[in-house]
Amino acid sequence: MIKFQLQDINVNASGRPVRRKFKDFNFKTCRPARKPMLTPAMKTNRLNWAKRWRDKDVDFWRSSSAARVPGRLDVVKGMMRQDQHKDVLQNRLIPQLEE
């Protein structure tokens, strides 16, 4: 985190001198503990959710699909970033609503 803040203000410093300075000022440095991305409880909840919905027929999913909204659909490859979301809202959704 500090590394990126230093880069933002064009300060070039490697980790070791920064940690040494922290030690001089009696700051404690440590790395956060690693944890699994999904806890066992999260995995159980996801599995239970999937089991609850697996027997629904195609008509059910058609009636609940988010793609059934007025207007045109835009395809975004991968995850939508904040700038892409703003672009979709400003340049595509708002003009469609004004039509």
PDB file of N, CA and C in Angstrom:
ATOM      1  N   MET A   1       0.826  -1.181   0.000  1.00  0.00           N
ATOM      2  CA  MET A   1       0.000   0.000   0.000  1.00  0.00           C
ATOM      3  C   MET A   1       0.873   1.248   0.000  1.00  0.00           C
ATOM      4  N   ILE A   2       1.825   1.288   0.890  1.00  0.00           N
ATOM      5  CA  ILE A   2       2.713   2.447   0.961  1.00  0.00           C
ATOM      6  C   ILE A   2       3.541   2.537  -0.312  1.00  0.00           C
ATOM      7  N   LYS A   3       3.920   1.393  -0.837  1.00  0.00           N
ATOM      8  CA  LYS A   3       4.704   1.361  -2.071  1.00  0.00           C
ATOM      9  C   LYS A   3       3.966   2.093  -3.191  1.00  0.00           C
ATOM     10  N   PHE A   4       2.672   1.846  -3.327  1.00  0.00           N
ATOM     11  CA  PHE A   4       1.894   2.477  -4.386  1.00  0.00           C
ATOM     12  C   PHE A   4       1.713   3.968  -4.123  1.00  0.00           C
ATOM     13  N   GLN A   5       1.558   4.339  -2.862  1.00  0.00           N
ATOM     14  CA  GLN A   5       1.442   5.763  -2.543  1.00  0.00           C
ATOM     15  C   GLN A   5       2.734   6.493  -2.878  1.00  0.00           C
ATOM     16  N   LEU A   6       3.869   5.864  -2.606  1.00  0.00           N
ATOM     17  CA  LEU A   6       5.149   6.477  -2.945  1.00  0.00           C
ATOM     18  C   LEU A   6       5.313   6.581  -4.458  1.00  0.00           C
ATOM     19  N   GLN A   7       4.871   5.573  -5.180  1.00  0.00           N
ATOM     20  CA  GLN A   7       4.959   5.622  -6.637  1.00  0.00           C
ATOM     21  C   GLN A   7       4.086   6.733  -7.201  1.00  0.00           C
ATOM     22  N   ASP A   8       2.934   6.966  -6.572  1.00  0.00           N
ATOM     23  CA  ASP A   8       2.033   8.020  -7.044  1.00  0.00           C
ATOM     24  C   ASP A   8       2.673   9.400  -6.962  1.00  0.00           C
ATOM     25  N   ILE A   9       3.541   9.600  -5.986  1.00  0.00           N
ATOM     26  CA  ILE A   9       4.201  10.908  -5.850  1.00  0.00           C
ATOM     27  C   ILE A   9       5.627  10.866  -6.386  1.00  0.00           C
ATOM     28  N   ASN A  10       5.900   9.859  -7.225  1.00  0.00           N
ATOM     29  CA  ASN A  10       7.191   9.711  -7.910  1.00  0.00           C
ATOM     30  C   ASN A  10       8.378   9.587  -6.965  1.00  0.00           C
ATOM     31  N   VAL A  11       8.203   8.852  -5.875  1.00  0.00           N
ATOM     32  CA  VAL A  11       9.305   8.549  -4.965  1.00  0.00           C
ATOM     33  C   VAL A  11       9.700   7.104  -5.218  1.00  0.00           C
ATOM     34  N   ASN A  12      10.963   6.896  -5.550  1.00  0.00           N
ATOM     35  CA  ASN A  12      11.440   5.557  -5.852  1.00  0.00           C
ATOM     36  C   ASN A  12      12.189   5.017  -4.640  1.00  0.00           C
ATOM     37  N   ALA A  13      11.600   4.076  -3.931  1.00  0.00           N
ATOM     38  CA  ALA A  13      12.238   3.479  -2.758  1.00  0.00           C
ATOM     39  C   ALA A  13      11.869   2.009  -2.709  1.00  0.00           C
ATOM     40  N   SER A  14      12.861   1.176  -2.449  1.00  0.00           N
ATOM     41  CA  SER A  14      12.572  -0.247  -2.330  1.00  0.00           C
ATOM     42  C   SER A  14      12.064  -0.543  -0.923  1.00  0.00           C
ATOM     43  N   GLY A  15      11.585  -1.746  -0.737  1.00  0.00           N
ATOM     44  CA  GLY A  15      10.955  -2.106   0.532  1.00  0.00           C
ATOM     45  C   GLY A  15      11.881  -2.110   1.725  1.00  0.00           C
ATOM     46  N   ARG A  16      13.104  -2.569   1.543  1.00  0.00           N
ATOM     47  CA  ARG A  16      14.014  -2.709   2.675  1.00  0.00           C
ATOM     48  C   ARG A  16      14.319  -1.365   3.360  1.00  0.00           C
ATOM     49  N   PRO A  17      14.704  -0.301   2.633  1.00  0.00           N
ATOM     50  CA  PRO A  17      14.946   0.977   3.317  1.00  0.00           C
ATOM     51  C   PRO A  17      13.698   1.536   3.997  1.00  0.00           C
ATOM     52  N   VAL A  18      12.556   1.327   3.379  1.00  0.00           N
ATOM     53  CA  VAL A  18      11.314   1.807   3.995  1.00  0.00           C
ATOM     54  C   VAL A  18      11.068   1.071   5.301  1.00  0.00           C
ATOM     55  N   ARG A  19      11.252  -0.262   5.293  1.00  0.00           N
ATOM     56  CA  ARG A  19      11.063  -1.031   6.533  1.00  0.00           C
ATOM     57  C   ARG A  19      12.081  -0.613   7.593  1.00  0.00           C
ATOM     58  N   ARG A  20      13.306  -0.326   7.157  1.00  0.00           N
ATOM     59  CA  ARG A  20      14.346   0.106   8.096  1.00  0.00           C
ATOM     60  C   ARG A  20      13.944   1.428   8.760  1.00  0.00           C
ATOM     61  N   LYS A  21      13.411   2.361   7.971  1.00  0.00           N
ATOM     62  CA  LYS A  21      12.958   3.642   8.534  1.00  0.00           C
ATOM     63  C   LYS A  21      11.794   3.430   9.499  1.00  0.00           C
ATOM     64  N   PHE A  22      10.883   2.548   9.137  1.00  0.00           N
ATOM     65  CA  PHE A  22       9.788   2.240  10.055  1.00  0.00           C
ATOM     66  C   PHE A  22      10.338   1.733  11.380  1.00  0.00           C
ATOM     67  N   LYS A  23      11.332   0.874  11.301  1.00  0.00           N
ATOM     68  CA  LYS A  23      11.937   0.330  12.518  1.00  0.00           C
ATOM     69  C   LYS A  23      12.594   1.441  13.327  1.00  0.00           C
ATOM     70  N   ASP A  24      13.274   2.392  12.659  1.00  0.00           N
ATOM     71  CA  ASP A  24      13.890   3.527  13.353  1.00  0.00           C
ATOM     72  C   ASP A  24      12.860   4.348  14.116  1.00  0.00           C
ATOM     73  N   PHE A  25      11.654   4.452  13.569  1.00  0.00           N
ATOM     74  CA  PHE A  25      10.587   5.221  14.222  1.00  0.00           C
ATOM     75  C   PHE A  25       9.735   4.356  15.155  1.00  0.00           C
ATOM     76  N   ASN A  26      10.196   3.137  15.416  1.00  0.00           N
ATOM     77  CA  ASN A  26       9.501   2.182  16.291  1.00  0.00           C
ATOM     78  C   ASN A  26       8.106   1.790  15.786  1.00  0.00           C
ATOM     79  N   PHE A  27       7.925   1.813  14.470  1.00  0.00           N
ATOM     80  CA  PHE A  27       6.689   1.300  13.895  1.00  0.00           C
ATOM     81  C   PHE A  27       6.816  -0.206  13.760  1.00  0.00           C
ATOM     82  N   LYS A  28       5.750  -0.896  14.024  1.00  0.00           N
ATOM     83  CA  LYS A  28       5.755  -2.340  13.851  1.00  0.00           C
ATOM     84  C   LYS A  28       5.268  -2.648  12.438  1.00  0.00           C
ATOM     85  N   THR A  29       5.998  -3.497  11.764  1.00  0.00           N
ATOM     86  CA  THR A  29       5.599  -3.894  10.417  1.00  0.00           C
ATOM     87  C   THR A  29       5.299  -5.385  10.410  1.00  0.00           C
ATOM     88  N   CYS A  30       4.290  -5.738   9.687  1.00  0.00           N
ATOM     89  CA  CYS A  30       3.944  -7.148   9.550  1.00  0.00           C
ATOM     90  C   CYS A  30       3.103  -7.316   8.295  1.00  0.00           C
ATOM     91  N   ARG A  31       3.035  -8.516   7.839  1.00  0.00           N
ATOM     92  CA  ARG A  31       2.187  -8.838   6.697  1.00  0.00           C
ATOM     93  C   ARG A  31       0.881  -9.416   7.225  1.00  0.00           C
ATOM     94  N   PRO A  32      -0.218  -9.138   6.556  1.00  0.00           N
ATOM     95  CA  PRO A  32      -1.484  -9.708   7.018  1.00  0.00           C
ATOM     96  C   PRO A  32      -1.484 -11.226   6.860  1.00  0.00           C
ATOM     97  N   ALA A  33      -2.192 -11.878   7.748  1.00  0.00           N
ATOM     98  CA  ALA A  33      -2.290 -13.335   7.689  1.00  0.00           C
ATOM     99  C   ALA A  33      -3.039 -13.736   6.428  1.00  0.00           C
ATOM    100  N   ARG A  34      -2.583 -14.789   5.799  1.00  0.00           N
ATOM    101  CA  ARG A  34      -3.274 -15.286   4.609  1.00  0.00           C
ATOM    102  C   ARG A  34      -4.496 -16.074   5.039  1.00  0.00           C
ATOM    103  N   LYS A  35      -5.555 -15.902   4.314  1.00  0.00           N
ATOM    104  CA  LYS A  35      -6.765 -16.651   4.609  1.00  0.00           C
ATOM    105  C   LYS A  35      -7.341 -17.158   3.303  1.00  0.00           C
ATOM    106  N   PRO A  36      -8.095 -18.223   3.358  1.00  0.00           N
ATOM    107  CA  PRO A  36      -8.675 -18.742   2.119  1.00  0.00           C
ATOM    108  C   PRO A  36      -9.684 -17.746   1.550  1.00  0.00           C
ATOM    109  N   MET A  37      -9.799 -17.722   0.237  1.00  0.00           N
ATOM    110  CA  MET A  37     -10.735 -16.792  -0.384  1.00  0.00           C
ATOM    111  C   MET A  37     -12.174 -17.143  -0.022  1.00  0.00           C
ATOM    112  N   LEU A  38     -12.452 -18.421   0.101  1.00  0.00           N
ATOM    113  CA  LEU A  38     -13.776 -18.860   0.533  1.00  0.00           C
ATOM    114  C   LEU A  38     -13.625 -19.696   1.796  1.00  0.00           C
ATOM    115  N   THR A  39     -14.347 -19.319   2.816  1.00  0.00           N
ATOM    116  CA  THR A  39     -14.310 -20.088   4.053  1.00  0.00           C
ATOM    117  C   THR A  39     -15.176 -21.335   3.879  1.00  0.00           C
ATOM    118  N   PRO A  40     -15.020 -22.326   4.739  1.00  0.00           N
ATOM    119  CA  PRO A  40     -15.895 -23.504   4.650  1.00  0.00           C
ATOM    120  C   PRO A  40     -17.382 -23.145   4.735  1.00  0.00           C
ATOM    121  N   ALA A  41     -17.723 -22.164   5.558  1.00  0.00           N
ATOM    122  CA  ALA A  41     -19.130 -21.753   5.664  1.00  0.00           C
ATOM    123  C   ALA A  41     -19.622 -21.152   4.347  1.00  0.00           C
ATOM    124  N   MET A  42     -18.779 -20.362   3.697  1.00  0.00           N
ATOM    125  CA  MET A  42     -19.161 -19.775   2.409  1.00  0.00           C
ATOM    126  C   MET A  42     -19.362 -20.862   1.359  1.00  0.00           C
ATOM    127  N   LYS A  43     -18.482 -21.849   1.354  1.00  0.00           N
ATOM    128  CA  LYS A  43     -18.608 -22.956   0.399  1.00  0.00           C
ATOM    129  C   LYS A  43     -19.901 -23.722   0.633  1.00  0.00           C
ATOM    130  N   THR A  44     -20.221 -23.974   1.900  1.00  0.00           N
ATOM    131  CA  THR A  44     -21.454 -24.683   2.243  1.00  0.00           C
ATOM    132  C   THR A  44     -22.668 -23.890   1.794  1.00  0.00           C
ATOM    133  N   ASN A  45     -22.662 -22.590   2.051  1.00  0.00           N
ATOM    134  CA  ASN A  45     -23.792 -21.749   1.648  1.00  0.00           C
ATOM    135  C   ASN A  45     -23.966 -21.736   0.132  1.00  0.00           C
ATOM    136  N   ARG A  46     -22.871 -21.665  -0.610  1.00  0.00           N
ATOM    137  CA  ARG A  46     -22.952 -21.675  -2.070  1.00  0.00           C
ATOM    138  C   ARG A  46     -23.506 -22.999  -2.580  1.00  0.00           C
ATOM    139  N   LEU A  47     -23.039 -24.086  -1.998  1.00  0.00           N
ATOM    140  CA  LEU A  47     -23.519 -25.400  -2.416  1.00  0.00           C
ATOM    141  C   LEU A  47     -25.006 -25.551  -2.118  1.00  0.00           C
ATOM    142  N   ASN A  48     -25.443 -25.125  -0.938  1.00  0.00           N
ATOM    143  CA  ASN A  48     -26.863 -25.205  -0.587  1.00  0.00           C
ATOM    144  C   ASN A  48     -27.712 -24.364  -1.533  1.00  0.00           C
ATOM    145  N   TRP A  49     -27.226 -23.174  -1.898  1.00  0.00           N
ATOM    146  CA  TRP A  49     -27.950 -22.311  -2.821  1.00  0.00           C
ATOM    147  C   TRP A  49     -28.093 -23.001  -4.181  1.00  0.00           C
ATOM    148  N   ALA A  50     -27.002 -23.578  -4.672  1.00  0.00           N
ATOM    149  CA  ALA A  50     -27.031 -24.247  -5.976  1.00  0.00           C
ATOM    150  C   ALA A  50     -27.983 -25.441  -5.958  1.00  0.00           C
ATOM    151  N   LYS A  51     -27.972 -26.208  -4.879  1.00  0.00           N
ATOM    152  CA  LYS A  51     -28.868 -27.368  -4.780  1.00  0.00           C
ATOM    153  C   LYS A  51     -30.329 -26.933  -4.754  1.00  0.00           C
ATOM    154  N   ARG A  52     -30.605 -25.799  -4.106  1.00  0.00           N
ATOM    155  CA  ARG A  52     -31.978 -25.320  -3.997  1.00  0.00           C
ATOM    156  C   ARG A  52     -32.538 -24.916  -5.364  1.00  0.00           C
ATOM    157  N   TRP A  53     -31.696 -24.416  -6.259  1.00  0.00           N
ATOM    158  CA  TRP A  53     -32.162 -23.902  -7.541  1.00  0.00           C
ATOM    159  C   TRP A  53     -31.907 -24.828  -8.724  1.00  0.00           C
ATOM    160  N   ARG A  54     -31.274 -25.969  -8.535  1.00  0.00           N
ATOM    161  CA  ARG A  54     -30.857 -26.794  -9.669  1.00  0.00           C
ATOM    162  C   ARG A  54     -32.007 -27.457 -10.416  1.00  0.00           C
ATOM    163  N   ASP A  55     -33.141 -27.675  -9.773  1.00  0.00           N
ATOM    164  CA  ASP A  55     -34.243 -28.385 -10.417  1.00  0.00           C
ATOM    165  C   ASP A  55     -35.232 -27.465 -11.134  1.00  0.00           C
ATOM    166  N   LYS A  56     -34.945 -26.192 -11.206  1.00  0.00           N
ATOM    167  CA  LYS A  56     -35.851 -25.256 -11.884  1.00  0.00           C
ATOM    168  C   LYS A  56     -35.772 -25.466 -13.393  1.00  0.00           C
ATOM    169  N   ASP A  57     -36.925 -25.328 -14.061  1.00  0.00           N
ATOM    170  CA  ASP A  57     -36.948 -25.549 -15.510  1.00  0.00           C
ATOM    171  C   ASP A  57     -36.553 -24.280 -16.273  1.00  0.00           C
ATOM    172  N   VAL A  58     -36.456 -24.417 -17.584  1.00  0.00           N
ATOM    173  CA  VAL A  58     -36.006 -23.317 -18.439  1.00  0.00           C
ATOM    174  C   VAL A  58     -36.956 -22.128 -18.354  1.00  0.00           C
ATOM    175  N   ASP A  59     -38.256 -22.389 -18.277  1.00  0.00           N
ATOM    176  CA  ASP A  59     -39.225 -21.292 -18.203  1.00  0.00           C
ATOM    177  C   ASP A  59     -39.010 -20.437 -16.959  1.00  0.00           C
ATOM    178  N   PHE A  60     -38.682 -21.078 -15.858  1.00  0.00           N
ATOM    179  CA  PHE A  60     -38.403 -20.323 -14.632  1.00  0.00           C
ATOM    180  C   PHE A  60     -37.226 -19.375 -14.849  1.00  0.00           C
ATOM    181  N   TRP A  61     -36.146 -19.890 -15.436  1.00  0.00           N
ATOM    182  CA  TRP A  61     -34.952 -19.071 -15.624  1.00  0.00           C
ATOM    183  C   TRP A  61     -35.182 -17.980 -16.658  1.00  0.00           C
ATOM    184  N   ARG A  62     -36.015 -18.257 -17.658  1.00  0.00           N
ATOM    185  CA  ARG A  62     -36.339 -17.204 -18.631  1.00  0.00           C
ATOM    186  C   ARG A  62     -37.110 -16.073 -17.964  1.00  0.00           C
ATOM    187  N   SER A  63     -37.993 -16.421 -17.045  1.00  0.00           N
ATOM    188  CA  SER A  63     -38.807 -15.389 -16.398  1.00  0.00           C
ATOM    189  C   SER A  63     -38.011 -14.582 -15.376  1.00  0.00           C
ATOM    190  N   SER A  64     -36.885 -15.108 -14.938  1.00  0.00           N
ATOM    191  CA  SER A  64     -36.111 -14.389 -13.926  1.00  0.00           C
ATOM    192  C   SER A  64     -34.801 -13.829 -14.463  1.00  0.00           C
ATOM    193  N   SER A  65     -34.584 -13.964 -15.760  1.00  0.00           N
ATOM    194  CA  SER A  65     -33.315 -13.539 -16.345  1.00  0.00           C
ATOM    195  C   SER A  65     -33.180 -12.026 -16.323  1.00  0.00           C
ATOM    196  N   ALA A  66     -32.008 -11.554 -15.951  1.00  0.00           N
ATOM    197  CA  ALA A  66     -31.734 -10.119 -15.933  1.00  0.00           C
ATOM    198  C   ALA A  66     -31.638  -9.565 -17.347  1.00  0.00           C
ATOM    199  N   ALA A  67     -31.491 -10.439 -18.341  1.00  0.00           N
ATOM    200  CA  ALA A  67     -31.383  -9.980 -19.721  1.00  0.00           C
ATOM    201  C   ALA A  67     -32.732  -9.556 -20.289  1.00  0.00           C
ATOM    202  N   ARG A  68     -33.817  -9.819 -19.583  1.00  0.00           N
ATOM    203  CA  ARG A  68     -35.138  -9.446 -20.080  1.00  0.00           C
ATOM    204  C   ARG A  68     -35.517  -8.083 -19.543  1.00  0.00           C
ATOM    205  N   VAL A  69     -34.845  -7.082 -20.035  1.00  0.00           N
ATOM    206  CA  VAL A  69     -35.117  -5.700 -19.642  1.00  0.00           C
ATOM    207  C   VAL A  69     -35.287  -4.884 -20.914  1.00  0.00           C
ATOM    208  N   PRO A  70     -35.988  -3.756 -20.826  1.00  0.00           N
ATOM    209  CA  PRO A  70     -36.116  -2.938 -22.026  1.00  0.00           C
ATOM    210  C   PRO A  70     -34.764  -2.367 -22.442  1.00  0.00           C
ATOM    211  N   GLY A  71     -34.599  -2.184 -23.727  1.00  0.00           N
ATOM    212  CA  GLY A  71     -33.346  -1.614 -24.218  1.00  0.00           C
ATOM    213  C   GLY A  71     -32.427  -2.675 -24.780  1.00  0.00           C
ATOM    214  N   ARG A  72     -31.304  -2.216 -25.306  1.00  0.00           N
ATOM    215  CA  ARG A  72     -30.333  -3.112 -25.918  1.00  0.00           C
ATOM    216  C   ARG A  72     -29.349  -3.611 -24.865  1.00  0.00           C
ATOM    217  N   LEU A  73     -28.778  -4.773 -25.141  1.00  0.00           N
ATOM    218  CA  LEU A  73     -27.774  -5.342 -24.246  1.00  0.00           C
ATOM    219  C   LEU A  73     -26.386  -5.003 -24.756  1.00  0.00           C
ATOM    220  N   ASP A  74     -25.467  -4.764 -23.848  1.00  0.00           N
ATOM    221  CA  ASP A  74     -24.061  -4.570 -24.190  1.00  0.00           C
ATOM    222  C   ASP A  74     -23.267  -5.698 -23.574  1.00  0.00           C
ATOM    223  N   VAL A  75     -22.388  -6.286 -24.353  1.00  0.00           N
ATOM    224  CA  VAL A  75     -21.558  -7.382 -23.869  1.00  0.00           C
ATOM    225  C   VAL A  75     -20.238  -6.814 -23.383  1.00  0.00           C
ATOM    226  N   VAL A  76     -19.852  -7.202 -22.173  1.00  0.00           N
ATOM    227  CA  VAL A  76     -18.565  -6.808 -21.611  1.00  0.00           C
ATOM    228  C   VAL A  76     -17.790  -8.084 -21.351  1.00  0.00           C
ATOM    229  N   LYS A  77     -16.613  -8.184 -21.931  1.00  0.00           N
ATOM    230  CA  LYS A  77     -15.791  -9.371 -21.708  1.00  0.00           C
ATOM    231  C   LYS A  77     -15.079  -9.228 -20.373  1.00  0.00           C
ATOM    232  N   GLY A  78     -15.107 -10.273 -19.564  1.00  0.00           N
ATOM    233  CA  GLY A  78     -14.457 -10.230 -18.256  1.00  0.00           C
ATOM    234  C   GLY A  78     -15.312  -9.464 -17.262  1.00  0.00           C
ATOM    235  N   MET A  79     -14.664  -8.990 -16.219  1.00  0.00           N
ATOM    236  CA  MET A  79     -15.376  -8.230 -15.195  1.00  0.00           C
ATOM    237  C   MET A  79     -15.469  -6.766 -15.607  1.00  0.00           C
ATOM    238  N   MET A  80     -16.604  -6.146 -15.321  1.00  0.00           N
ATOM    239  CA  MET A  80     -16.785  -4.748 -15.681  1.00  0.00           C
ATOM    240  C   MET A  80     -16.066  -3.859 -14.673  1.00  0.00           C
ATOM    241  N   ARG A  81     -15.201  -3.019 -15.200  1.00  0.00           N
ATOM    242  CA  ARG A  81     -14.486  -2.068 -14.352  1.00  0.00           C
ATOM    243  C   ARG A  81     -15.339  -0.820 -14.167  1.00  0.00           C
ATOM    244  N   GLN A  82     -14.931   0.013 -13.231  1.00  0.00           N
ATOM    245  CA  GLN A  82     -15.673   1.228 -12.914  1.00  0.00           C
ATOM    246  C   GLN A  82     -15.789   2.143 -14.130  1.00  0.00           C
ATOM    247  N   ASP A  83     -14.703   2.312 -14.873  1.00  0.00           N
ATOM    248  CA  ASP A  83     -14.748   3.194 -16.037  1.00  0.00           C
ATOM    249  C   ASP A  83     -15.666   2.635 -17.126  1.00  0.00           C
ATOM    250  N   GLN A  84     -15.706   1.305 -17.281  1.00  0.00           N
ATOM    251  CA  GLN A  84     -16.614   0.701 -18.252  1.00  0.00           C
ATOM    252  C   GLN A  84     -18.067   0.921 -17.835  1.00  0.00           C
ATOM    253  N   HIS A  85     -18.336   0.804 -16.544  1.00  0.00           N
ATOM    254  CA  HIS A  85     -19.693   0.989 -16.039  1.00  0.00           C
ATOM    255  C   HIS A  85     -20.158   2.417 -16.299  1.00  0.00           C
ATOM    256  N   LYS A  86     -19.289   3.392 -16.038  1.00  0.00           N
ATOM    257  CA  LYS A  86     -19.641   4.791 -16.307  1.00  0.00           C
ATOM    258  C   LYS A  86     -19.918   5.003 -17.787  1.00  0.00           C
ATOM    259  N   ASP A  87     -19.097   4.382 -18.639  1.00  0.00           N
ATOM    260  CA  ASP A  87     -19.282   4.509 -20.084  1.00  0.00           C
ATOM    261  C   ASP A  87     -20.627   3.939 -20.516  1.00  0.00           C
ATOM    262  N   VAL A  88     -20.983   2.781 -19.994  1.00  0.00           N
ATOM    263  CA  VAL A  88     -22.265   2.167 -20.343  1.00  0.00           C
ATOM    264  C   VAL A  88     -23.414   3.064 -19.905  1.00  0.00           C
ATOM    265  N   LEU A  89     -23.331   3.607 -18.705  1.00  0.00           N
ATOM    266  CA  LEU A  89     -24.409   4.468 -18.219  1.00  0.00           C
ATOM    267  C   LEU A  89     -24.520   5.746 -19.039  1.00  0.00           C
ATOM    268  N   GLN A  90     -23.392   6.431 -19.245  1.00  0.00           N
ATOM    269  CA  GLN A  90     -23.423   7.739 -19.907  1.00  0.00           C
ATOM    270  C   GLN A  90     -23.696   7.643 -21.403  1.00  0.00           C
ATOM    271  N   ASN A  91     -23.078   6.698 -22.076  1.00  0.00           N
ATOM    272  CA  ASN A  91     -23.139   6.674 -23.532  1.00  0.00           C
ATOM    273  C   ASN A  91     -24.151   5.698 -24.108  1.00  0.00           C
ATOM    274  N   ARG A  92     -24.680   4.810 -23.296  1.00  0.00           N
ATOM    275  CA  ARG A  92     -25.606   3.826 -23.846  1.00  0.00           C
ATOM    276  C   ARG A  92     -26.961   3.845 -23.136  1.00  0.00           C
ATOM    277  N   LEU A  93     -26.964   3.718 -21.817  1.00  0.00           N
ATOM    278  CA  LEU A  93     -28.235   3.608 -21.102  1.00  0.00           C
ATOM    279  C   LEU A  93     -29.019   4.918 -21.120  1.00  0.00           C
ATOM    280  N   ILE A  94     -28.388   6.009 -20.757  1.00  0.00           N
ATOM    281  CA  ILE A  94     -29.097   7.294 -20.682  1.00  0.00           C
ATOM    282  C   ILE A  94     -29.654   7.701 -22.046  1.00  0.00           C
ATOM    283  N   PRO A  95     -28.870   7.590 -23.149  1.00  0.00           N
ATOM    284  CA  PRO A  95     -29.466   7.907 -24.453  1.00  0.00           C
ATOM    285  C   PRO A  95     -30.659   7.007 -24.808  1.00  0.00           C
ATOM    286  N   GLN A  96     -30.624   5.738 -24.414  1.00  0.00           N
ATOM    287  CA  GLN A  96     -31.755   4.845 -24.682  1.00  0.00           C
ATOM    288  C   GLN A  96     -32.989   5.297 -23.922  1.00  0.00           C
ATOM    289  N   LEU A  97     -32.804   5.742 -22.689  1.00  0.00           N
ATOM    290  CA  LEU A  97     -33.942   6.181 -21.888  1.00  0.00           C
ATOM    291  C   LEU A  97     -34.536   7.478 -22.430  1.00  0.00           C
ATOM    292  N   GLU A  98     -33.690   8.310 -23.040  1.00  0.00           N
ATOM    293  CA  GLU A  98     -34.165   9.583 -23.585  1.00  0.00           C
ATOM    294  C   GLU A  98     -34.889   9.417 -24.916  1.00  0.00           C
ATOM    295  N   GLU A  99     -34.731   8.258 -25.582  1.00  0.00           N
ATOM    296  CA  GLU A  99     -35.401   8.019 -26.879  1.00  0.00           C
ATOM    297  C   GLU A  99     -36.895   7.925 -26.723  1.00  0.00           C
TER     298      GLU A  99
END
